[in-house]
Protein backbone atom coordinates (compact mmCIF):
# COMPACT_ATOMS: atom_id res chain seq x y z
CA MET A 1 147.15 116.91 163.40
CA LYS A 2 143.56 117.22 162.24
CA ASN A 3 144.14 120.68 160.72
CA LYS A 4 147.26 119.45 158.86
CA THR A 5 145.25 116.65 157.30
CA LEU A 6 142.53 119.06 156.14
CA ARG A 7 145.11 121.45 154.66
CA TYR A 8 146.78 118.54 152.84
CA LEU A 9 143.49 117.34 151.31
CA LEU A 10 142.55 120.90 150.34
CA SER A 11 145.88 121.42 148.56
CA ILE A 12 145.37 118.22 146.55
CA ALA A 13 141.85 119.30 145.55
CA LEU A 14 143.04 122.77 144.48
CA ALA A 15 145.86 121.26 142.45
CA PHE A 16 143.43 118.94 140.69
CA ILE A 17 141.05 121.79 139.88
CA PHE A 18 143.90 123.95 138.59
CA GLN A 19 145.22 121.14 136.42
CA SER A 20 141.76 120.43 135.00
CA CYS A 21 141.17 124.09 134.16
CA SER A 22 144.56 124.49 132.53
CA GLN A 23 144.14 121.47 130.23
CA PRO A 24 142.78 122.36 126.76
CA LYS A 25 139.37 120.80 126.02
CA ALA A 26 139.30 118.07 123.41
CA PRO A 27 137.80 119.45 120.21
CA GLU A 28 134.28 118.23 119.42
CA THR A 29 134.14 115.74 116.55
CA GLU A 30 133.04 117.52 113.40
CA LYS A 31 129.84 115.99 112.10
CA LEU A 32 129.68 114.42 108.66
CA LYS A 33 126.55 115.69 106.97
CA ILE A 34 124.85 113.12 104.73
CA ALA A 35 121.84 114.11 102.62
CA VAL A 36 118.95 111.66 102.22
CA ILE A 37 116.75 111.88 99.10
CA ARG A 38 113.81 109.64 98.21
CA TYR A 39 112.31 109.59 94.69
CA GLN A 40 110.67 106.28 93.78
CA HIS A 41 108.26 105.10 91.13
CA GLU A 42 107.71 101.80 89.34
CA THR A 43 106.26 103.03 86.06
CA CYS A 44 103.93 100.94 83.91
CA THR A 45 104.18 102.88 80.64
CA PHE A 46 101.67 100.54 78.98
CA CYS A 47 98.99 101.06 81.63
CA PRO A 48 95.94 103.12 80.67
CA GLY A 49 94.86 106.31 82.41
CA GLY A 50 97.22 108.93 81.03
CA ASP A 51 100.51 110.32 82.23
CA THR A 52 101.40 110.61 85.90
CA GLU A 53 101.36 114.33 86.63
CA ILE A 54 102.30 116.53 89.58
CA ALA A 55 98.74 116.21 90.90
CA ASP A 56 99.10 112.41 91.12
CA TRP A 57 102.27 112.79 93.19
CA THR A 58 100.75 115.43 95.45
CA LYS A 59 97.30 113.88 95.99
CA ASN A 60 98.16 112.88 99.56
CA LYS A 61 100.66 115.66 100.32
CA ASP A 62 102.75 118.16 98.39
CA PHE A 63 106.04 116.58 99.42
CA LEU A 64 107.83 114.83 102.28
CA ASN A 65 109.59 117.27 104.57
CA GLU A 66 112.98 116.63 106.19
CA GLU A 67 111.58 114.69 109.13
CA GLU A 68 109.18 112.66 106.97
CA VAL A 69 111.95 111.68 104.55
CA LEU A 70 114.05 110.29 107.40
CA LYS A 71 111.07 108.20 108.52
CA ALA A 72 110.19 106.92 105.05
CA ASP A 73 110.09 103.39 103.66
CA SER A 74 112.24 100.41 104.58
CA TYR A 75 115.21 101.41 102.40
CA VAL A 76 115.48 104.73 104.22
CA LYS A 77 114.78 103.10 107.58
CA GLY A 78 117.69 100.75 107.02
CA PHE A 79 119.94 103.61 105.99
CA VAL A 80 118.99 105.76 108.98
CA HIS A 81 119.29 102.87 111.44
CA THR A 82 122.84 102.10 110.30
CA ALA A 83 124.03 105.67 109.82
CA GLU A 84 122.92 106.63 113.32
CA GLN A 85 125.36 104.08 114.76
CA TYR A 86 128.16 106.47 113.73
CA ILE A 87 128.41 109.25 116.33
CA ASP A 88 129.99 111.65 113.86
CA VAL A 89 127.17 111.46 111.28
CA ASP A 90 124.41 114.03 110.90
CA LEU A 91 121.58 113.00 108.56
CA VAL A 92 119.73 115.70 106.64
CA GLY A 93 116.45 114.88 104.92
CA ILE A 94 115.92 116.61 101.59
CA LYS A 95 112.42 117.52 100.43
CA SER A 96 111.23 114.57 98.35
CA PRO A 97 108.08 113.46 96.51
CA ASP A 98 105.46 111.40 98.30
CA ASP A 99 104.18 108.14 96.79
CA VAL A 100 102.12 108.31 93.59
CA PHE A 101 98.39 107.77 93.98
CA GLY A 102 97.72 104.44 92.29
CA GLY A 103 101.33 103.25 92.58
CA SER A 104 102.73 101.32 89.65
CA SER A 105 99.36 101.19 87.89
CA ARG A 106 99.91 104.70 86.51
CA SER A 107 101.51 105.42 83.16
CA TRP A 108 104.49 107.55 82.06
CA ASN A 109 105.68 110.28 84.39
CA SER A 110 105.40 113.58 82.58
CA LYS A 111 108.61 115.52 82.12
CA GLU A 112 106.90 118.45 83.83
CA SER A 113 106.41 116.43 87.02
CA PHE A 114 110.01 115.16 86.92
CA GLU A 115 111.41 118.66 86.51
CA HIS A 116 109.11 119.98 89.23
CA PHE A 117 110.40 117.53 91.81
CA MET A 118 114.02 117.68 90.69
CA THR A 119 113.94 121.47 91.08
CA MET A 120 112.47 121.06 94.57
CA ILE A 121 115.07 118.44 95.55
CA LEU A 122 118.08 120.30 94.19
CA ASN A 123 117.05 123.65 95.66
CA ASP A 124 116.64 122.10 99.09
CA LEU A 125 119.91 120.19 98.78
CA LYS A 126 121.72 123.36 97.74
CA SER A 127 120.35 125.21 100.77
CA LYS A 128 121.77 122.52 103.08
CA MET A 129 125.23 122.24 101.58
CA PRO A 130 128.00 121.48 102.11
CA VAL A 131 127.34 117.77 102.53
CA GLN A 132 129.89 114.99 102.75
CA GLY A 133 127.69 112.27 101.27
CA VAL A 134 124.37 111.71 99.47
CA TYR A 135 122.01 108.74 99.74
CA LEU A 136 119.42 108.18 97.01
CA ALA A 137 116.50 105.89 97.87
CA LEU A 138 115.29 105.02 94.37
CA HIS A 139 113.40 102.22 92.63
CA GLY A 140 115.05 101.67 89.26
CA ALA A 141 111.95 101.34 87.08
CA MET A 142 110.89 104.97 86.85
CA ALA A 143 110.02 106.04 83.31
CA VAL A 144 109.80 109.71 82.32
CA ARG A 145 108.89 111.09 78.92
CA ASP A 146 111.99 112.41 77.13
CA VAL A 147 114.28 111.30 79.99
CA PRO A 148 115.64 107.88 78.91
CA ARG A 149 117.31 106.97 82.23
CA PRO A 150 115.62 108.89 85.09
CA GLU A 151 117.57 107.41 88.02
CA ALA A 152 120.87 108.10 86.26
CA GLU A 153 119.63 111.62 85.54
CA ILE A 154 118.86 112.10 89.24
CA ALA A 155 122.39 111.00 90.15
CA LYS A 156 123.88 113.20 87.42
CA ARG A 157 122.16 116.35 88.65
CA VAL A 158 123.07 115.63 92.25
CA ARG A 159 126.68 115.00 91.23
CA GLU A 160 126.86 118.28 89.32
CA LEU A 161 125.67 120.09 92.45
CA VAL A 162 127.76 118.42 95.17
CA GLY A 163 130.98 117.92 93.20
CA GLU A 164 133.21 114.99 92.30
CA ASP A 165 134.53 114.15 95.76
CA VAL A 166 131.23 113.55 97.56
CA PRO A 167 130.24 109.84 97.73
CA ILE A 168 126.81 109.07 96.27
CA ALA A 169 125.07 105.71 96.71
CA GLY A 170 121.63 104.49 95.75
CA SER A 171 119.41 101.61 96.83
CA PHE A 172 117.08 99.88 94.37
CA ASP A 173 114.30 97.37 93.84
CA LEU A 174 115.37 94.28 91.88
CA HIS A 175 112.68 95.12 89.30
CA GLY A 176 114.74 98.10 88.16
CA ASN A 177 115.87 98.78 84.60
CA GLU A 178 119.42 100.11 84.78
CA ASP A 179 122.70 99.97 82.90
CA GLU A 180 126.15 101.48 83.46
CA GLU A 181 124.86 105.06 83.32
CA PHE A 182 123.84 105.28 86.99
CA LEU A 183 127.32 104.25 88.16
CA LYS A 184 128.83 106.84 85.85
CA TRP A 185 127.45 109.54 88.16
CA SER A 186 127.26 107.71 91.49
CA ASP A 187 129.67 105.48 93.37
CA ALA A 188 127.54 102.50 94.30
CA ALA A 189 124.18 100.76 93.87
CA PHE A 190 122.65 98.28 96.30
CA VAL A 191 119.77 96.15 95.01
CA THR A 192 117.34 93.88 96.86
CA LYS A 193 118.07 90.19 96.41
CA ARG A 194 114.69 88.85 97.52
CA TYR A 195 111.23 89.00 95.99
CA PRO A 196 109.20 89.65 98.10
CA HIS A 197 111.67 92.36 99.08
CA TYR A 198 112.50 91.38 102.65
CA ASP A 199 115.98 92.85 102.40
CA ALA A 200 115.17 96.47 101.49
CA PHE A 201 116.16 97.49 105.03
CA ILE A 202 119.47 95.64 104.61
CA GLN A 203 120.29 97.36 101.32
CA GLY A 204 119.61 100.74 102.90
CA GLY A 205 122.01 99.82 105.71
CA ARG A 206 124.67 98.71 103.24
CA SER A 207 124.37 102.07 101.51
CA ALA A 208 125.03 103.84 104.82
CA ASN A 209 128.11 101.74 105.59
CA PHE A 210 129.47 102.29 102.10
CA ILE A 211 129.03 106.07 102.19
CA TYR A 212 130.64 106.33 105.62
CA ARG A 213 133.66 104.27 104.60
CA ALA A 214 133.99 106.19 101.34
CA ILE A 215 133.94 109.51 103.19
CA LYS A 216 136.65 108.23 105.54
CA GLY A 217 138.75 107.10 102.58
CA ASN A 218 138.48 103.40 103.49
CA TYR A 219 136.67 102.31 100.33
CA LYS A 220 137.48 103.23 96.73
CA ALA A 221 134.58 102.01 94.64
CA THR A 222 135.55 100.18 91.48
CA THR A 223 132.61 98.99 89.39
CA ALA A 224 131.67 96.68 86.54
CA THR A 225 128.32 96.45 84.73
CA ARG A 226 126.97 93.72 82.48
CA LYS A 227 123.62 93.35 80.73
CA PRO A 228 122.83 89.74 79.88
CA PRO A 229 120.23 89.99 77.08
CA VAL A 230 117.33 88.47 79.02
CA VAL A 231 113.94 89.96 79.91
CA THR A 232 111.30 88.34 82.11
CA ALA A 233 107.81 89.16 83.31
CA THR A 234 107.86 90.06 87.00
CA VAL A 235 105.70 87.07 87.97
CA LEU A 236 108.62 84.85 86.90
CA GLN A 237 111.08 86.63 89.19
CA TRP A 238 109.95 85.14 92.52
CA THR A 239 113.12 84.27 94.43
CA GLY A 240 111.40 81.36 96.14
CA GLN A 241 111.82 79.25 93.00
CA THR A 242 114.64 78.05 90.78
CA PRO A 243 116.47 79.55 88.91
CA SER A 244 115.68 82.98 90.34
CA MET A 245 116.76 81.89 93.82
CA ASP A 246 119.93 80.39 92.37
CA ILE A 247 120.90 83.62 90.63
CA MET A 248 120.60 85.60 93.84
CA GLU A 249 122.33 82.90 95.88
CA ARG A 250 125.25 83.05 93.46
CA ALA A 251 125.49 86.81 94.09
CA ARG A 252 125.38 86.29 97.86
CA ARG A 253 128.05 83.59 97.61
CA TRP A 254 130.45 85.96 95.86
CA GLU A 255 129.85 88.54 98.60
CA ALA A 256 130.39 85.97 101.37
CA ARG A 257 133.65 84.74 99.88
CA LEU A 258 135.15 88.14 99.17
CA PRO A 259 134.83 90.89 101.81
CA ASP A 260 134.30 94.40 100.44
CA THR A 261 132.56 92.97 97.36
CA TYR A 262 128.98 93.84 96.46
CA VAL A 263 127.09 91.98 93.73
CA SER A 264 123.70 93.34 92.68
CA VAL A 265 121.29 91.95 90.10
CA PHE A 266 118.42 93.83 88.51
CA TYR A 267 115.87 91.50 86.92
CA GLY A 268 114.25 94.37 85.06
CA PHE A 269 110.72 95.72 84.78
CA PRO A 270 109.26 94.90 81.35
CA TRP A 271 106.23 97.18 81.76
CA SER A 272 108.48 100.24 81.37
CA ASP A 273 109.23 101.00 77.71
CA VAL A 274 112.79 102.24 78.25
CA PRO A 275 116.12 101.66 76.44
CA ASP A 276 117.83 99.88 79.36
CA ILE A 277 115.05 97.33 79.90
CA GLY A 278 115.97 93.85 81.13
CA ALA A 279 118.51 92.20 83.40
CA THR A 280 121.61 94.02 84.70
CA VAL A 281 124.53 93.05 86.92
CA HIS A 282 126.38 95.65 89.01
CA VAL A 283 129.55 94.66 90.86
CA ILE A 284 131.46 96.93 93.26
CA THR A 285 134.88 96.13 94.71
CA ASN A 286 137.34 98.06 96.84
CA ASN A 287 139.84 99.21 94.20
CA ASP A 288 140.03 95.91 92.29
CA GLN A 289 138.88 96.30 88.68
CA HIS A 290 139.97 92.81 87.61
CA LEU A 291 137.89 91.22 90.37
CA ALA A 292 134.87 93.39 89.54
CA ASP A 293 135.03 92.40 85.87
CA SER A 294 135.52 88.70 86.66
CA ILE A 295 132.48 88.54 88.95
CA ALA A 296 130.32 90.55 86.55
CA ASP A 297 131.23 88.19 83.72
CA ASP A 298 130.44 85.15 85.85
CA MET A 299 127.03 86.47 86.91
CA ALA A 300 126.06 87.50 83.38
CA GLU A 301 127.13 84.14 81.96
CA TYR A 302 125.15 82.28 84.63
CA ILE A 303 121.96 84.28 83.95
CA TRP A 304 122.37 83.48 80.26
CA ARG A 305 122.95 79.82 81.05
CA VAL A 306 119.63 79.49 82.92
CA ARG A 307 117.70 81.81 80.61
CA GLU A 308 115.29 79.19 79.29
CA GLU A 309 113.97 78.23 82.71
CA PHE A 310 114.16 81.80 84.05
CA ALA A 311 112.08 83.29 81.23
CA GLY A 312 109.66 80.34 81.02
CA GLY A 313 106.61 79.37 83.03
CA SER A 314 102.86 79.21 82.56
CA TYR A 315 99.82 79.67 84.78
CA PRO A 316 96.21 78.48 84.63
CA MET A 317 93.54 80.62 83.03
CA PRO A 318 90.62 81.73 85.26
CA VAL A 319 88.29 78.87 84.29
CA ASP A 320 90.90 76.23 85.16
CA ALA A 321 92.12 78.06 88.26
CA VAL A 322 88.58 78.21 89.65
CA LYS A 323 88.06 74.51 88.87
CA GLN A 324 91.22 73.80 90.88
CA THR A 325 89.84 76.04 93.63
CA VAL A 326 86.59 74.03 93.75
CA GLU A 327 88.64 70.83 93.99
CA ALA A 328 90.78 72.27 96.78
CA ILE A 329 87.64 73.18 98.74
CA LYS A 330 86.28 69.65 98.33
CA ASN A 331 89.53 68.21 99.63
CA GLY A 332 89.73 70.61 102.57
CA ASN A 333 92.84 72.35 101.23
CA THR A 334 91.68 75.82 102.25
CA PRO A 335 92.12 78.70 102.45
CA VAL A 336 92.90 79.12 98.74
CA ALA A 337 94.79 82.24 97.63
CA LEU A 338 94.46 83.29 93.99
CA GLY A 339 97.04 85.79 92.74
CA ASP A 340 95.61 87.82 89.85
CA HIS A 341 99.08 88.46 88.42
CA SER A 342 98.26 90.23 85.14
CA ASP A 343 95.95 92.98 86.39
CA ARG A 344 97.97 96.20 86.73
CA PRO A 345 95.16 98.80 86.51
CA GLY A 346 93.27 96.82 89.18
CA ASP A 347 89.81 96.53 87.61
CA ALA A 348 90.05 93.14 85.87
CA THR A 349 87.03 90.91 86.46
CA TRP A 350 88.07 87.61 84.86
CA ILE A 351 88.45 85.72 88.13
CA LEU A 352 85.46 87.38 89.80
CA LYS A 353 83.17 86.39 86.94
CA GLU A 354 84.44 82.82 86.91
CA LEU A 355 83.98 82.42 90.67
CA ILE A 356 80.38 83.59 90.33
CA ASP A 357 79.72 81.38 87.29
CA GLN A 358 81.08 78.31 89.08
CA LYS A 359 79.10 79.24 92.22
CA VAL A 360 82.06 79.30 94.59
CA GLU A 361 81.14 80.34 98.14
CA GLY A 362 83.14 81.99 100.91
CA VAL A 363 85.14 84.29 98.65
CA LEU A 364 86.89 87.44 99.86
CA TYR A 365 87.87 89.43 96.78
CA ALA A 366 90.44 92.06 97.76
CA THR A 367 90.46 94.30 95.93
CA LEU A 368 88.73 95.57 92.78
CA ARG A 369 89.39 99.08 91.58
CA ASP A 370 86.32 101.14 90.68
CA GLU A 371 86.40 104.80 91.63
CA ARG A 372 83.12 105.37 89.73
CA VAL A 373 81.24 103.07 92.09
CA LEU A 374 82.79 104.75 95.12
CA ASP A 375 81.81 108.20 93.83
CA LYS A 376 78.23 107.03 93.40
CA LEU A 377 78.14 105.53 96.89
CA LYS A 378 79.47 108.79 98.30
CA ALA A 379 76.82 110.78 96.46
CA GLU A 380 74.15 108.47 97.91
CA ASN A 381 75.58 108.79 101.45
CA ALA A 382 75.98 105.03 101.58
CA LYS A 383 76.19 103.28 104.94
CA PRO A 384 76.39 99.70 106.22
CA GLY A 385 73.14 97.84 105.62
CA ASP A 386 72.28 99.65 102.39
CA ASP A 387 71.34 97.59 99.37
CA PHE A 388 73.92 97.40 96.59
CA ASP A 389 73.13 96.69 92.94
CA MET A 390 75.77 97.92 90.47
CA GLU A 391 78.14 96.85 87.74
CA VAL A 392 81.75 96.84 88.94
CA GLY A 393 85.15 96.79 87.26
CA GLY A 394 85.99 96.00 83.65
CA PHE A 395 86.28 99.58 82.46
CA THR A 396 89.93 100.34 81.59
CA GLY A 397 90.13 98.22 78.42
CA LYS A 398 89.88 94.73 76.95
CA HIS A 399 92.50 93.46 79.40
CA ALA A 400 90.03 94.11 82.24
CA GLY A 401 87.22 91.88 80.96
CA GLU A 402 83.57 92.89 81.20
CA PRO A 403 81.83 94.66 84.10
CA VAL A 404 80.20 92.27 86.56
CA ARG A 405 76.87 93.00 88.22
CA ILE A 406 76.93 92.57 91.99
CA LYS A 407 73.80 92.52 94.13
CA GLY A 408 74.21 92.54 97.88
CA LYS A 409 74.63 94.73 100.95
CA VAL A 410 77.10 97.41 101.93
CA VAL A 411 78.96 96.25 105.06
CA PHE A 412 81.59 99.00 105.09
CA PHE A 413 81.97 102.41 103.47
CA GLY A 414 84.55 104.86 104.69
CA PRO A 415 88.24 105.81 104.82
CA LYS A 416 90.86 103.08 104.75
CA TRP A 417 94.45 102.56 103.50
CA ASN A 418 94.94 106.31 102.96
CA TYR A 419 91.93 106.43 100.63
CA GLU A 420 89.05 108.81 101.23
CA ASN A 421 86.63 105.90 100.85
CA ILE A 422 86.61 102.20 100.11
CA ALA A 423 83.61 99.86 100.15
CA ALA A 424 83.00 96.28 101.23
CA ILE A 425 80.00 94.56 99.65
CA ASP A 426 78.54 91.29 100.91
CA PHE A 427 76.95 89.23 98.12
CA GLY A 428 75.92 85.68 97.29
CA ASN A 429 76.63 83.07 99.94
CA ASN A 430 79.23 84.56 102.31
CA ASN A 431 81.14 86.42 99.58
CA LEU A 432 82.74 89.81 100.10
CA LEU A 433 84.01 92.26 97.48
CA ILE A 434 86.27 95.15 98.54
CA ILE A 435 86.26 98.11 96.17
CA THR A 436 89.09 100.68 96.12
CA PRO A 437 89.67 103.82 94.03
CA ALA A 438 93.05 102.57 92.76
CA TYR A 439 95.04 99.38 92.39
CA GLU A 440 95.70 97.95 95.85
CA GLN A 441 97.96 94.98 96.57
CA ILE A 442 97.01 93.02 99.70
CA LEU A 443 99.96 91.23 101.28
CA TYR A 444 98.54 89.87 104.54
CA PRO A 445 95.10 88.50 105.47
CA GLU A 446 95.12 90.62 108.63
CA GLU A 447 94.98 93.76 106.47
CA LEU A 448 91.41 92.72 105.72
CA ALA A 449 90.32 92.69 109.38
CA PHE A 450 88.44 96.00 109.58
CA GLY A 451 84.87 97.22 109.88
CA GLY A 452 83.72 94.00 111.48
CA ILE A 453 85.23 91.85 108.70
CA ASP A 454 86.82 88.59 109.87
CA PRO A 455 89.12 87.19 107.13
CA ASP A 456 89.16 83.77 108.80
CA LYS A 457 85.49 83.29 107.84
CA TYR A 458 86.40 83.02 104.17
CA GLN A 459 87.89 80.07 102.29
CA VAL A 460 89.01 81.76 99.07
CA PHE A 461 91.02 84.97 98.71
CA VAL A 462 91.60 86.84 95.44
CA VAL A 463 94.40 89.42 95.49
CA LYS A 464 95.87 91.62 92.76
CA SER A 465 99.43 90.44 93.15
CA ARG A 466 102.16 88.47 91.43
CA VAL A 467 104.53 87.52 94.25
CA HIS A 468 104.27 89.91 97.20
CA PHE A 469 101.08 88.26 98.50
CA ARG A 470 103.16 85.20 99.34
CA ARG A 471 104.42 87.09 102.40
CA GLY A 472 101.18 86.66 104.29
CA PHE A 473 99.36 83.91 102.43
CA ASP A 474 102.08 81.43 101.43
CA GLU A 475 105.23 81.77 103.52
CA THR A 476 103.25 81.96 106.77
CA GLY A 477 101.37 78.76 105.93
CA TYR A 478 98.04 80.62 106.10
CA ALA A 479 96.77 79.46 102.71
CA LYS A 480 96.87 75.73 102.02
CA THR A 481 96.54 76.26 98.26
CA ILE A 482 98.31 78.95 96.24
CA LEU A 483 97.42 79.59 92.60
CA VAL A 484 98.86 82.31 90.40
CA VAL A 485 96.23 82.99 87.72
CA ASP A 486 96.74 84.16 84.15
CA ALA A 487 94.30 86.05 81.93
CA PRO A 488 93.21 85.43 78.33
CA GLY A 489 94.77 87.52 75.61
CA SER A 490 98.12 89.24 75.25
CA TRP A 491 98.55 92.63 76.93
CA VAL A 492 100.33 94.41 79.74
CA GLY A 493 100.69 92.17 82.77
CA THR A 494 100.92 88.81 81.02
CA THR A 495 104.11 86.92 80.23
CA ARG A 496 103.47 87.55 76.52
CA LEU A 497 105.64 90.65 76.35
CA ASP A 498 106.12 90.56 72.59
CA ALA A 499 102.46 91.57 72.22
CA LEU A 500 103.27 95.01 73.62
CA ASP A 501 104.12 97.94 71.38
CA TYR A 502 107.62 98.82 72.56
CA GLN A 503 108.97 102.04 71.08
CA TYR A 504 112.19 102.37 73.10
CA GLY A 505 112.83 99.03 74.80
CA PRO A 506 114.83 96.65 72.55
CA ILE A 507 112.45 93.76 73.25
CA ASN A 508 113.28 91.95 69.99
CA LYS A 509 116.96 91.77 70.97
CA LEU A 510 116.30 90.13 74.34
CA TYR A 511 115.66 86.47 75.13
CA PRO A 512 113.08 84.95 74.75
CA PHE A 513 111.81 87.46 72.17
CA ASP A 514 114.95 87.96 70.08
CA LYS A 515 114.07 87.22 66.47
């Protein structure tokens, strides 16, 4: 009986093994290869210092390799995070430029640099073809000499390489200058709706979802573009205030009401002298042209309706802002955060001089650009404890004010924030000046906690920022008083855009400067 049972169990096992071996294996799912490209610059064509060349792009590294591209900024992180949820997707990073040294404080990109990086990108993309989709992590406000619409040109060249049937989508900063040309060569654009840009990760993720659905044939992009004739200085674009917040909420409301609808708004970047300057509305629907046109019309009409408030606004000059700072200190409304909104090169001294003249104490000034001072400190082998007596800032033009003489002590000199050297100088009564070799925008007070520096010991902060500093100083409740500070005169950075010598941007045809 025992042997019969064993033989019976053995026969079942052999039958199972035979059946398993005879069954054909399920074919492995073929991976969908999606290329990821990153080429971003917010170009201030009116800024001094000469064109942005290859050397400015390669100062930190020659390029981002495949792995580095896939670990890049928040747009790409959002794209990668979402795309990796699909088991049949294989992401391929394409060699891409690193960030420009000096960021948006640098002037025109030279055509040579643009062609250099486009050749690199396209050659690497070609070597990794075929691909089933392409993601472009862009900015929207790049300006290149003799290339009127750089982001559209990037999409055009990619399209010509990969063919008509490969979905292409791009993500953008709301400060972009775009028109219908980008969507002529790509399928979709996804733009941040918040300033500060908390939703860059989200827009990257939306791009991934769109490309995947388009590859699968589940989304047929149908687009509409409108350009309401309005231009605003970026300091006016903060989405924490009306009507900027209302414009973006209107876009979100359309998206919430109508699935498969994407409504993007570019506010524009007036410091780029380009033909498509100013506000733009992009609408994408799933094969519904009438709906796309209707929403685009509604958004453009609403922006025009609120144009007066959107393009208006004024801010105190340094003398009045510092008087308000003194009053805030007396009333215990500290810390005070002063946003130096007009200084794009980073060396303006208007607020610094006024703080010294009005004898304000407990100031942490972060930061002032002066690479000349840093070079001298390096040559002198500066170290903490050394005496400091130099003129700082005020060297890039009349917009920067006059150099200010600072006498004090070096408390830090060394590498920081990817710079070879920065310096921190203690002066006056508990004042600290941080000097960097390029424009640096401080977003959070904790960024200033280095080299023995304790930000909490200071009652006034000066940052070179228009809106982004609100992340760490305003929206967290850290600073009890927030003042955005203007500068005297009319030049790049102020709200007085009509003082700028536009050669390509139709400034005189846009509200509030249309004549």
